[in-house]
Amino acid sequence: MDRRETRIRGEKLLLGVLLTWGGHG
């Protein structure tokens, strides 16, 4: 596993959560 992949996945997850909260909000 590369650190880049993990970092990208984390950023995507954060963006998804923010979008989800924004949509529900």
PDB file of N, CA and C in Angstrom:
ATOM      1  N   MET A   1       0.856  -1.213   0.000  1.00  0.00           N
ATOM      2  CA  MET A   1       0.000   0.000   0.000  1.00  0.00           C
ATOM      3  C   MET A   1       0.885   1.254   0.000  1.00  0.00           C
ATOM      4  N   ASP A   2       0.557   2.178  -0.874  1.00  0.00           N
ATOM      5  CA  ASP A   2       1.345   3.414  -0.929  1.00  0.00           C
ATOM      6  C   ASP A   2       0.688   4.496  -0.090  1.00  0.00           C
ATOM      7  N   ARG A   3       1.526   5.391   0.428  1.00  0.00           N
ATOM      8  CA  ARG A   3       0.975   6.473   1.247  1.00  0.00           C
ATOM      9  C   ARG A   3       0.100   7.386   0.399  1.00  0.00           C
ATOM     10  N   ARG A   4       0.488   7.544  -0.872  1.00  0.00           N
ATOM     11  CA  ARG A   4      -0.302   8.415  -1.757  1.00  0.00           C
ATOM     12  C   ARG A   4      -1.730   7.892  -1.885  1.00  0.00           C
ATOM     13  N   GLU A   5      -1.860   6.583  -2.096  1.00  0.00           N
ATOM     14  CA  GLU A   5      -3.200   6.000  -2.252  1.00  0.00           C
ATOM     15  C   GLU A   5      -4.022   6.224  -0.983  1.00  0.00           C
ATOM     16  N   THR A   6      -3.405   5.984   0.169  1.00  0.00           N
ATOM     17  CA  THR A   6      -4.123   6.158   1.436  1.00  0.00           C
ATOM     18  C   THR A   6      -4.542   7.617   1.601  1.00  0.00           C
ATOM     19  N   ARG A   7      -3.632   8.528   1.266  1.00  0.00           N
ATOM     20  CA  ARG A   7      -3.934   9.949   1.415  1.00  0.00           C
ATOM     21  C   ARG A   7      -5.093  10.346   0.501  1.00  0.00           C
ATOM     22  N   ILE A   8      -5.041   9.884  -0.743  1.00  0.00           N
ATOM     23  CA  ILE A   8      -6.107  10.196  -1.706  1.00  0.00           C
ATOM     24  C   ILE A   8      -7.443   9.639  -1.210  1.00  0.00           C
ATOM     25  N   ARG A   9      -7.410   8.420  -0.716  1.00  0.00           N
ATOM     26  CA  ARG A   9      -8.657   7.805  -0.221  1.00  0.00           C
ATOM     27  C   ARG A   9      -9.217   8.624   0.939  1.00  0.00           C
ATOM     28  N   GLY A  10      -8.355   9.050   1.832  1.00  0.00           N
ATOM     29  CA  GLY A  10      -8.804   9.847   2.976  1.00  0.00           C
ATOM     30  C   GLY A  10      -9.441  11.140   2.511  1.00  0.00           C
ATOM     31  N   GLU A  11      -8.790  11.803   1.538  1.00  0.00           N
ATOM     32  CA  GLU A  11      -9.339  13.068   1.032  1.00  0.00           C
ATOM     33  C   GLU A  11     -10.699  12.833   0.392  1.00  0.00           C
ATOM     34  N   LYS A  12     -10.816  11.754  -0.389  1.00  0.00           N
ATOM     35  CA  LYS A  12     -12.101  11.453  -1.056  1.00  0.00           C
ATOM     36  C   LYS A  12     -13.176  11.187  -0.006  1.00  0.00           C
ATOM     37  N   LEU A  13     -12.817  10.439   1.047  1.00  0.00           N
ATOM     38  CA  LEU A  13     -13.799  10.137   2.100  1.00  0.00           C
ATOM     39  C   LEU A  13     -14.253  11.426   2.777  1.00  0.00           C
ATOM     40  N   LEU A  14     -13.291  12.310   3.088  1.00  0.00           N
ATOM     41  CA  LEU A  14     -13.638  13.574   3.742  1.00  0.00           C
ATOM     42  C   LEU A  14     -14.555  14.392   2.850  1.00  0.00           C
ATOM     43  N   LEU A  15     -14.212  14.469   1.563  1.00  0.00           N
ATOM     44  CA  LEU A  15     -15.037  15.240   0.614  1.00  0.00           C
ATOM     45  C   LEU A  15     -16.438  14.636   0.553  1.00  0.00           C
ATOM     46  N   GLY A  16     -16.536  13.320   0.502  1.00  0.00           N
ATOM     47  CA  GLY A  16     -17.843  12.653   0.442  1.00  0.00           C
ATOM     48  C   GLY A  16     -18.669  12.965   1.680  1.00  0.00           C
ATOM     49  N   VAL A  17     -18.033  12.901   2.850  1.00  0.00           N
ATOM     50  CA  VAL A  17     -18.748  13.181   4.112  1.00  0.00           C
ATOM     51  C   VAL A  17     -19.247  14.626   4.115  1.00  0.00           C
ATOM     52  N   LEU A  18     -18.380  15.553   3.712  1.00  0.00           N
ATOM     53  CA  LEU A  18     -18.769  16.971   3.691  1.00  0.00           C
ATOM     54  C   LEU A  18     -19.940  17.175   2.744  1.00  0.00           C
ATOM     55  N   LEU A  19     -19.869  16.545   1.561  1.00  0.00           N
ATOM     56  CA  LEU A  19     -20.959  16.688   0.574  1.00  0.00           C
ATOM     57  C   LEU A  19     -22.247  16.101   1.142  1.00  0.00           C
ATOM     58  N   THR A  20     -22.126  14.939   1.802  1.00  0.00           N
ATOM     59  CA  THR A  20     -23.313  14.287   2.368  1.00  0.00           C
ATOM     60  C   THR A  20     -23.935  15.168   3.449  1.00  0.00           C
ATOM     61  N   TRP A  21     -23.107  15.685   4.361  1.00  0.00           N
ATOM     62  CA  TRP A  21     -23.624  16.529   5.438  1.00  0.00           C
ATOM     63  C   TRP A  21     -24.256  17.787   4.858  1.00  0.00           C
ATOM     64  N   GLY A  22     -23.587  18.363   3.831  1.00  0.00           N
ATOM     65  CA  GLY A  22     -24.103  19.580   3.195  1.00  0.00           C
ATOM     66  C   GLY A  22     -25.462  19.313   2.561  1.00  0.00           C
ATOM     67  N   GLY A  23     -25.596  18.152   1.896  1.00  0.00           N
ATOM     68  CA  GLY A  23     -26.862  17.813   1.241  1.00  0.00           C
ATOM     69  C   GLY A  23     -27.965  17.609   2.270  1.00  0.00           C
ATOM     70  N   HIS A  24     -27.644  16.902   3.374  1.00  0.00           N
ATOM     71  CA  HIS A  24     -28.646  16.655   4.411  1.00  0.00           C
ATOM     72  C   HIS A  24     -28.952  17.934   5.173  1.00  0.00           C
ATOM     73  N   GLY A  25     -27.932  18.781   5.316  1.00  0.00           N
ATOM     74  CA  GLY A  25     -28.110  20.024   6.081  1.00  0.00           C
ATOM     75  C   GLY A  25     -29.060  20.948   5.337  1.00  0.00           C
TER      76      GLY A  25
END
